């Protein structure tokens, strides 16, 4: 079963979408961190996966939103990440 999408943000101009996948489903992610925030092209292929620190507690993304031309993402360990898109 493919991972469940928790949130999908379509990007303007049919450039694809930002997808937040369910972190609670096993199988797709590494044991260290759950890199569950990805950008997909219009065909659903992964363009990039947001990386998490390799030190400190294990972590994963819990929420994401688009604010203007910035992607704002939140992690379980209370970090807020801003990404230009």
PDB file of N, CA and C in Angstrom:
ATOM      1  N   UNK A   1       0.841  -1.169   0.000  1.00  0.00           N
ATOM      2  CA  UNK A   1       0.000   0.000   0.000  1.00  0.00           C
ATOM      3  C   UNK A   1       0.897   1.247   0.000  1.00  0.00           C
ATOM      4  N   UNK A   2       0.642   2.189  -0.914  1.00  0.00           N
ATOM      5  CA  UNK A   2       1.458   3.403  -0.941  1.00  0.00           C
ATOM      6  C   UNK A   2       1.201   4.271   0.289  1.00  0.00           C
ATOM      7  N   UNK A   3       2.178   5.092   0.654  1.00  0.00           N
ATOM      8  CA  UNK A   3       1.980   5.967   1.813  1.00  0.00           C
ATOM      9  C   UNK A   3       0.818   6.931   1.573  1.00  0.00           C
ATOM     10  N   UNK A   4       0.127   7.250   2.631  1.00  0.00           N
ATOM     11  CA  UNK A   4      -1.015   8.153   2.559  1.00  0.00           C
ATOM     12  C   UNK A   4      -0.531   9.595   2.529  1.00  0.00           C
ATOM     13  N   UNK A   5      -1.132  10.399   1.676  1.00  0.00           N
ATOM     14  CA  UNK A   5      -0.832  11.824   1.609  1.00  0.00           C
ATOM     15  C   UNK A   5      -1.633  12.554   2.682  1.00  0.00           C
ATOM     16  N   UNK A   6      -0.923  13.315   3.509  1.00  0.00           N
ATOM     17  CA  UNK A   6      -1.597  14.124   4.522  1.00  0.00           C
ATOM     18  C   UNK A   6      -1.958  15.502   3.999  1.00  0.00           C
ATOM     19  N   UNK A   7      -1.136  16.022   3.078  1.00  0.00           N
ATOM     20  CA  UNK A   7      -1.377  17.337   2.512  1.00  0.00           C
ATOM     21  C   UNK A   7      -0.713  17.404   1.152  1.00  0.00           C
ATOM     22  N   UNK A   8      -1.395  18.020   0.207  1.00  0.00           N
ATOM     23  CA  UNK A   8      -0.838  18.247  -1.120  1.00  0.00           C
ATOM     24  C   UNK A   8      -1.077  19.700  -1.488  1.00  0.00           C
ATOM     25  N   UNK A   9      -0.003  20.390  -1.887  1.00  0.00           N
ATOM     26  CA  UNK A   9      -0.087  21.776  -2.321  1.00  0.00           C
ATOM     27  C   UNK A   9       0.297  21.807  -3.792  1.00  0.00           C
ATOM     28  N   UNK A  10      -0.674  22.117  -4.652  1.00  0.00           N
ATOM     29  CA  UNK A  10      -0.382  22.217  -6.075  1.00  0.00           C
ATOM     30  C   UNK A  10       0.381  23.503  -6.336  1.00  0.00           C
ATOM     31  N   UNK A  11       1.451  23.398  -7.108  1.00  0.00           N
ATOM     32  CA  UNK A  11       2.263  24.559  -7.444  1.00  0.00           C
ATOM     33  C   UNK A  11       1.710  25.238  -8.686  1.00  0.00           C
ATOM     34  N   UNK A  12       1.824  26.558  -8.754  1.00  0.00           N
ATOM     35  CA  UNK A  12       1.286  27.275  -9.913  1.00  0.00           C
ATOM     36  C   UNK A  12       2.005  26.888 -11.199  1.00  0.00           C
ATOM     37  N   UNK A  13       1.306  27.004 -12.308  1.00  0.00           N
ATOM     38  CA  UNK A  13       1.921  26.728 -13.600  1.00  0.00           C
ATOM     39  C   UNK A  13       2.113  25.256 -13.901  1.00  0.00           C
ATOM     40  N   UNK A  14       1.370  24.382 -13.251  1.00  0.00           N
ATOM     41  CA  UNK A  14       1.459  22.934 -13.482  1.00  0.00           C
ATOM     42  C   UNK A  14       2.884  22.416 -13.294  1.00  0.00           C
ATOM     43  N   UNK A  15       3.609  22.987 -12.336  1.00  0.00           N
ATOM     44  CA  UNK A  15       4.974  22.569 -12.062  1.00  0.00           C
ATOM     45  C   UNK A  15       5.038  21.367 -11.131  1.00  0.00           C
ATOM     46  N   UNK A  16       3.902  20.850 -10.744  1.00  0.00           N
ATOM     47  CA  UNK A  16       3.867  19.717  -9.826  1.00  0.00           C
ATOM     48  C   UNK A  16       3.265  20.122  -8.502  1.00  0.00           C
ATOM     49  N   UNK A  17       3.712  19.454  -7.436  1.00  0.00           N
ATOM     50  CA  UNK A  17       3.124  19.708  -6.127  1.00  0.00           C
ATOM     51  C   UNK A  17       4.113  19.401  -5.010  1.00  0.00           C
ATOM     52  N   UNK A  18       3.798  19.954  -3.845  1.00  0.00           N
ATOM     53  CA  UNK A  18       4.509  19.624  -2.620  1.00  0.00           C
ATOM     54  C   UNK A  18       3.618  18.632  -1.880  1.00  0.00           C
ATOM     55  N   UNK A  19       4.184  17.529  -1.423  1.00  0.00           N
ATOM     56  CA  UNK A  19       3.393  16.485  -0.773  1.00  0.00           C
ATOM     57  C   UNK A  19       3.979  16.175   0.605  1.00  0.00           C
ATOM     58  N   UNK A  20       3.105  16.159   1.596  1.00  0.00           N
ATOM     59  CA  UNK A  20       3.466  15.702   2.944  1.00  0.00           C
ATOM     60  C   UNK A  20       2.851  14.323   3.119  1.00  0.00           C
ATOM     61  N   UNK A  21       3.715  13.317   3.250  1.00  0.00           N
ATOM     62  CA  UNK A  21       3.246  11.946   3.416  1.00  0.00           C
ATOM     63  C   UNK A  21       3.083  11.604   4.895  1.00  0.00           C
ATOM     64  N   UNK A  22       2.211  10.659   5.160  1.00  0.00           N
ATOM     65  CA  UNK A  22       1.943  10.179   6.514  1.00  0.00           C
ATOM     66  C   UNK A  22       3.205   9.561   7.106  1.00  0.00           C
ATOM     67  N   UNK A  23       3.654  10.109   8.215  1.00  0.00           N
ATOM     68  CA  UNK A  23       4.877   9.622   8.872  1.00  0.00           C
ATOM     69  C   UNK A  23       4.641   8.364   9.697  1.00  0.00           C
ATOM     70  N   UNK A  24       3.399   8.007   9.923  1.00  0.00           N
ATOM     71  CA  UNK A  24       3.117   6.868  10.804  1.00  0.00           C
ATOM     72  C   UNK A  24       3.083   5.527  10.072  1.00  0.00           C
ATOM     73  N   UNK A  25       3.168   5.560   8.760  1.00  0.00           N
ATOM     74  CA  UNK A  25       3.146   4.306   8.006  1.00  0.00           C
ATOM     75  C   UNK A  25       4.559   3.796   7.792  1.00  0.00           C
ATOM     76  N   UNK A  26       4.855   2.593   8.213  1.00  0.00           N
ATOM     77  CA  UNK A  26       6.213   2.050   8.050  1.00  0.00           C
ATOM     78  C   UNK A  26       6.487   1.649   6.608  1.00  0.00           C
ATOM     79  N   UNK A  27       7.753   1.438   6.329  1.00  0.00           N
ATOM     80  CA  UNK A  27       8.119   0.844   5.055  1.00  0.00           C
ATOM     81  C   UNK A  27       8.868   1.743   4.109  1.00  0.00           C
ATOM     82  N   UNK A  28       8.467   2.990   3.951  1.00  0.00           N
ATOM     83  CA  UNK A  28       9.105   3.855   2.959  1.00  0.00           C
ATOM     84  C   UNK A  28      10.294   4.611   3.517  1.00  0.00           C
ATOM     85  N   UNK A  29      10.340   4.812   4.800  1.00  0.00           N
ATOM     86  CA  UNK A  29      11.288   5.742   5.385  1.00  0.00           C
ATOM     87  C   UNK A  29      12.390   5.033   6.164  1.00  0.00           C
ATOM     88  N   UNK A  30      13.513   5.762   6.318  1.00  0.00           N
ATOM     89  CA  UNK A  30      14.629   5.225   7.091  1.00  0.00           C
ATOM     90  C   UNK A  30      14.278   5.210   8.569  1.00  0.00           C
ATOM     91  N   UNK A  31      14.982   4.431   9.332  1.00  0.00           N
ATOM     92  CA  UNK A  31      14.734   4.358  10.771  1.00  0.00           C
ATOM     93  C   UNK A  31      15.187   5.634  11.472  1.00  0.00           C
ATOM     94  N   UNK A  32      16.178   6.334  10.915  1.00  0.00           N
ATOM     95  CA  UNK A  32      16.730   7.516  11.568  1.00  0.00           C
ATOM     96  C   UNK A  32      15.775   8.710  11.502  1.00  0.00           C
ATOM     97  N   UNK A  33      15.388   9.083  10.337  1.00  0.00           N
ATOM     98  CA  UNK A  33      14.495  10.207  10.122  1.00  0.00           C
ATOM     99  C   UNK A  33      13.475   9.847   9.060  1.00  0.00           C
ATOM    100  N   UNK A  34      12.346  10.466   9.120  1.00  0.00           N
ATOM    101  CA  UNK A  34      11.277  10.204   8.161  1.00  0.00           C
ATOM    102  C   UNK A  34      11.198  11.424   7.242  1.00  0.00           C
ATOM    103  N   UNK A  35      11.840  11.334   6.103  1.00  0.00           N
ATOM    104  CA  UNK A  35      11.874  12.449   5.165  1.00  0.00           C
ATOM    105  C   UNK A  35      10.630  12.387   4.291  1.00  0.00           C
ATOM    106  N   UNK A  36       9.536  12.820   4.879  1.00  0.00           N
ATOM    107  CA  UNK A  36       8.213  12.637   4.301  1.00  0.00           C
ATOM    108  C   UNK A  36       7.666  13.877   3.610  1.00  0.00           C
ATOM    109  N   UNK A  37       8.520  14.867   3.342  1.00  0.00           N
ATOM    110  CA  UNK A  37       8.105  16.063   2.621  1.00  0.00           C
ATOM    111  C   UNK A  37       8.839  16.077   1.284  1.00  0.00           C
ATOM    112  N   UNK A  38       8.093  16.001   0.188  1.00  0.00           N
ATOM    113  CA  UNK A  38       8.699  15.898  -1.134  1.00  0.00           C
ATOM    114  C   UNK A  38       8.042  16.860  -2.118  1.00  0.00           C
ATOM    115  N   UNK A  39       8.815  17.187  -3.143  1.00  0.00           N
ATOM    116  CA  UNK A  39       8.250  17.886  -4.296  1.00  0.00           C
ATOM    117  C   UNK A  39       8.163  16.883  -5.421  1.00  0.00           C
ATOM    118  N   UNK A  40       6.995  16.814  -6.036  1.00  0.00           N
ATOM    119  CA  UNK A  40       6.777  15.900  -7.150  1.00  0.00           C
ATOM    120  C   UNK A  40       6.485  16.697  -8.410  1.00  0.00           C
ATOM    121  N   UNK A  41       6.931  16.176  -9.559  1.00  0.00           N
ATOM    122  CA  UNK A  41       6.603  16.832 -10.822  1.00  0.00           C
ATOM    123  C   UNK A  41       5.166  16.498 -11.203  1.00  0.00           C
ATOM    124  N   UNK A  42       4.723  17.011 -12.337  1.00  0.00           N
ATOM    125  CA  UNK A  42       3.335  16.820 -12.765  1.00  0.00           C
ATOM    126  C   UNK A  42       2.976  15.358 -13.000  1.00  0.00           C
ATOM    127  N   UNK A  43       3.996  14.498 -13.200  1.00  0.00           N
ATOM    128  CA  UNK A  43       3.755  13.072 -13.411  1.00  0.00           C
ATOM    129  C   UNK A  43       3.844  12.254 -12.128  1.00  0.00           C
ATOM    130  N   UNK A  44       4.146  12.918 -10.998  1.00  0.00           N
ATOM    131  CA  UNK A  44       4.242  12.221  -9.723  1.00  0.00           C
ATOM    132  C   UNK A  44       5.631  11.712  -9.380  1.00  0.00           C
ATOM    133  N   UNK A  45       6.629  12.068 -10.185  1.00  0.00           N
ATOM    134  CA  UNK A  45       8.012  11.674  -9.899  1.00  0.00           C
ATOM    135  C   UNK A  45       8.610  12.609  -8.850  1.00  0.00           C
ATOM    136  N   UNK A  46       9.406  12.077  -7.941  1.00  0.00           N
ATOM    137  CA  UNK A  46      10.026  12.885  -6.897  1.00  0.00           C
ATOM    138  C   UNK A  46      11.121  13.760  -7.493  1.00  0.00           C
ATOM    139  N   UNK A  47      11.006  15.078  -7.259  1.00  0.00           N
ATOM    140  CA  UNK A  47      12.017  16.042  -7.693  1.00  0.00           C
ATOM    141  C   UNK A  47      13.044  16.224  -6.582  1.00  0.00           C
ATOM    142  N   UNK A  48      12.575  16.379  -5.351  1.00  0.00           N
ATOM    143  CA  UNK A  48      13.443  16.441  -4.176  1.00  0.00           C
ATOM    144  C   UNK A  48      12.687  15.980  -2.949  1.00  0.00           C
ATOM    145  N   UNK A  49      13.459  15.626  -1.942  1.00  0.00           N
ATOM    146  CA  UNK A  49      12.930  15.228  -0.640  1.00  0.00           C
ATOM    147  C   UNK A  49      13.607  16.108   0.397  1.00  0.00           C
ATOM    148  N   UNK A  50      12.833  16.752   1.250  1.00  0.00           N
ATOM    149  CA  UNK A  50      13.405  17.629   2.274  1.00  0.00           C
ATOM    150  C   UNK A  50      14.190  16.793   3.279  1.00  0.00           C
ATOM    151  N   UNK A  51      15.425  17.178   3.498  1.00  0.00           N
ATOM    152  CA  UNK A  51      16.314  16.445   4.396  1.00  0.00           C
ATOM    153  C   UNK A  51      16.200  16.969   5.825  1.00  0.00           C
ATOM    154  N   UNK A  52      16.422  16.088   6.762  1.00  0.00           N
ATOM    155  CA  UNK A  52      16.393  16.422   8.184  1.00  0.00           C
ATOM    156  C   UNK A  52      17.783  16.235   8.781  1.00  0.00           C
ATOM    157  N   UNK A  53      18.076  16.914   9.897  1.00  0.00           N
ATOM    158  CA  UNK A  53      19.390  16.748  10.532  1.00  0.00           C
ATOM    159  C   UNK A  53      19.647  15.285  10.903  1.00  0.00           C
ATOM    160  N   UNK A  54      20.903  14.881  10.823  1.00  0.00           N
ATOM    161  CA  UNK A  54      21.276  13.509  11.157  1.00  0.00           C
ATOM    162  C   UNK A  54      21.746  13.370  12.598  1.00  0.00           C
ATOM    163  N   UNK A  55      21.714  14.456  13.351  1.00  0.00           N
ATOM    164  CA  UNK A  55      22.076  14.417  14.768  1.00  0.00           C
ATOM    165  C   UNK A  55      20.869  14.876  15.586  1.00  0.00           C
ATOM    166  N   UNK A  56      20.845  14.500  16.838  1.00  0.00           N
ATOM    167  CA  UNK A  56      19.704  14.837  17.684  1.00  0.00           C
ATOM    168  C   UNK A  56      18.639  13.772  17.568  1.00  0.00           C
ATOM    169  N   UNK A  57      17.454  14.067  18.064  1.00  0.00           N
ATOM    170  CA  UNK A  57      16.383  13.061  18.055  1.00  0.00           C
ATOM    171  C   UNK A  57      15.886  12.777  16.638  1.00  0.00           C
ATOM    172  N   UNK A  58      15.344  11.595  16.431  1.00  0.00           N
ATOM    173  CA  UNK A  58      14.708  11.276  15.156  1.00  0.00           C
ATOM    174  C   UNK A  58      13.586  12.273  14.918  1.00  0.00           C
ATOM    175  N   UNK A  59      13.303  12.563  13.668  1.00  0.00           N
ATOM    176  CA  UNK A  59      12.363  13.633  13.371  1.00  0.00           C
ATOM    177  C   UNK A  59      11.583  13.324  12.108  1.00  0.00           C
ATOM    178  N   UNK A  60      10.530  14.103  11.870  1.00  0.00           N
ATOM    179  CA  UNK A  60       9.733  14.015  10.655  1.00  0.00           C
ATOM    180  C   UNK A  60       8.921  15.293  10.516  1.00  0.00           C
ATOM    181  N   UNK A  61       8.433  15.548   9.318  1.00  0.00           N
ATOM    182  CA  UNK A  61       7.618  16.731   9.068  1.00  0.00           C
ATOM    183  C   UNK A  61       6.171  16.452   9.460  1.00  0.00           C
ATOM    184  N   UNK A  62       5.543  17.448  10.097  1.00  0.00           N
ATOM    185  CA  UNK A  62       4.174  17.280  10.581  1.00  0.00           C
ATOM    186  C   UNK A  62       3.155  18.144   9.848  1.00  0.00           C
ATOM    187  N   UNK A  63       3.610  19.246   9.250  1.00  0.00           N
ATOM    188  CA  UNK A  63       2.682  20.144   8.559  1.00  0.00           C
ATOM    189  C   UNK A  63       3.470  20.958   7.548  1.00  0.00           C
ATOM    190  N   UNK A  64       2.760  21.463   6.542  1.00  0.00           N
ATOM    191  CA  UNK A  64       3.386  22.288   5.508  1.00  0.00           C
ATOM    192  C   UNK A  64       2.328  23.238   4.956  1.00  0.00           C
ATOM    193  N   UNK A  65       2.781  24.438   4.582  1.00  0.00           N
ATOM    194  CA  UNK A  65       1.875  25.392   3.939  1.00  0.00           C
ATOM    195  C   UNK A  65       2.687  26.310   3.035  1.00  0.00           C
ATOM    196  N   UNK A  66       2.000  26.923   2.092  1.00  0.00           N
ATOM    197  CA  UNK A  66       2.619  27.845   1.163  1.00  0.00           C
ATOM    198  C   UNK A  66       2.245  29.259   1.585  1.00  0.00           C
ATOM    199  N   UNK A  67       3.267  30.102   1.778  1.00  0.00           N
ATOM    200  CA  UNK A  67       3.063  31.507   2.122  1.00  0.00           C
ATOM    201  C   UNK A  67       3.792  32.344   1.086  1.00  0.00           C
ATOM    202  N   UNK A  68       3.049  32.842   0.103  1.00  0.00           N
ATOM    203  CA  UNK A  68       3.669  33.568  -1.002  1.00  0.00           C
ATOM    204  C   UNK A  68       4.531  32.631  -1.817  1.00  0.00           C
ATOM    205  N   UNK A  69       5.815  32.962  -1.957  1.00  0.00           N
ATOM    206  CA  UNK A  69       6.724  32.094  -2.712  1.00  0.00           C
ATOM    207  C   UNK A  69       7.601  31.253  -1.795  1.00  0.00           C
ATOM    208  N   UNK A  70       7.192  31.109  -0.537  1.00  0.00           N
ATOM    209  CA  UNK A  70       7.948  30.311   0.438  1.00  0.00           C
ATOM    210  C   UNK A  70       7.093  29.136   0.920  1.00  0.00           C
ATOM    211  N   UNK A  71       7.761  28.023   1.056  1.00  0.00           N
ATOM    212  CA  UNK A  71       7.153  26.839   1.640  1.00  0.00           C
ATOM    213  C   UNK A  71       7.551  26.823   3.114  1.00  0.00           C
ATOM    214  N   UNK A  72       6.581  26.742   3.998  1.00  0.00           N
ATOM    215  CA  UNK A  72       6.829  26.699   5.437  1.00  0.00           C
ATOM    216  C   UNK A  72       6.468  25.299   5.921  1.00  0.00           C
ATOM    217  N   UNK A  73       7.442  24.627   6.537  1.00  0.00           N
ATOM    218  CA  UNK A  73       7.230  23.260   7.020  1.00  0.00           C
ATOM    219  C   UNK A  73       7.582  23.180   8.503  1.00  0.00           C
ATOM    220  N   UNK A  74       6.890  22.315   9.201  1.00  0.00           N
ATOM    221  CA  UNK A  74       7.060  22.134  10.645  1.00  0.00           C
ATOM    222  C   UNK A  74       7.473  20.703  10.931  1.00  0.00           C
ATOM    223  N   UNK A  75       8.354  20.516  11.924  1.00  0.00           N
ATOM    224  CA  UNK A  75       8.793  19.170  12.285  1.00  0.00           C
ATOM    225  C   UNK A  75       8.286  18.791  13.670  1.00  0.00           C
ATOM    226  N   UNK A  76       8.334  17.500  13.947  1.00  0.00           N
ATOM    227  CA  UNK A  76       7.911  16.965  15.238  1.00  0.00           C
ATOM    228  C   UNK A  76       8.709  17.566  16.390  1.00  0.00           C
ATOM    229  N   UNK A  77       9.988  17.837  16.156  1.00  0.00           N
ATOM    230  CA  UNK A  77      10.851  18.378  17.205  1.00  0.00           C
ATOM    231  C   UNK A  77      10.779  19.908  17.289  1.00  0.00           C
ATOM    232  N   UNK A  78       9.727  20.491  16.692  1.00  0.00           N
ATOM    233  CA  UNK A  78       9.394  21.921  16.808  1.00  0.00           C
ATOM    234  C   UNK A  78      10.267  22.857  15.997  1.00  0.00           C
ATOM    235  N   UNK A  79      10.915  22.374  14.950  1.00  0.00           N
ATOM    236  CA  UNK A  79      11.619  23.255  14.033  1.00  0.00           C
ATOM    237  C   UNK A  79      10.633  23.777  12.998  1.00  0.00           C
ATOM    238  N   UNK A  80      10.863  24.995  12.533  1.00  0.00           N
ATOM    239  CA  UNK A  80      10.120  25.563  11.404  1.00  0.00           C
ATOM    240  C   UNK A  80      11.141  25.797  10.299  1.00  0.00           C
ATOM    241  N   UNK A  81      10.821  25.301   9.123  1.00  0.00           N
ATOM    242  CA  UNK A  81      11.727  25.377   7.987  1.00  0.00           C
ATOM    243  C   UNK A  81      11.080  26.221   6.891  1.00  0.00           C
ATOM    244  N   UNK A  82      11.835  27.122   6.305  1.00  0.00           N
ATOM    245  CA  UNK A  82      11.359  27.946   5.202  1.00  0.00           C
ATOM    246  C   UNK A  82      12.162  27.596   3.954  1.00  0.00           C
ATOM    247  N   UNK A  83      11.472  27.317   2.856  1.00  0.00           N
ATOM    248  CA  UNK A  83      12.125  26.913   1.611  1.00  0.00           C
ATOM    249  C   UNK A  83      11.609  27.780   0.473  1.00  0.00           C
ATOM    250  N   UNK A  84      12.535  28.399  -0.278  1.00  0.00           N
ATOM    251  CA  UNK A  84      12.128  29.123  -1.494  1.00  0.00           C
ATOM    252  C   UNK A  84      11.745  28.106  -2.554  1.00  0.00           C
ATOM    253  N   UNK A  85      10.634  28.360  -3.235  1.00  0.00           N
ATOM    254  CA  UNK A  85      10.269  27.451  -4.327  1.00  0.00           C
ATOM    255  C   UNK A  85      10.088  28.214  -5.622  1.00  0.00           C
TER     256      UNK A  85
END
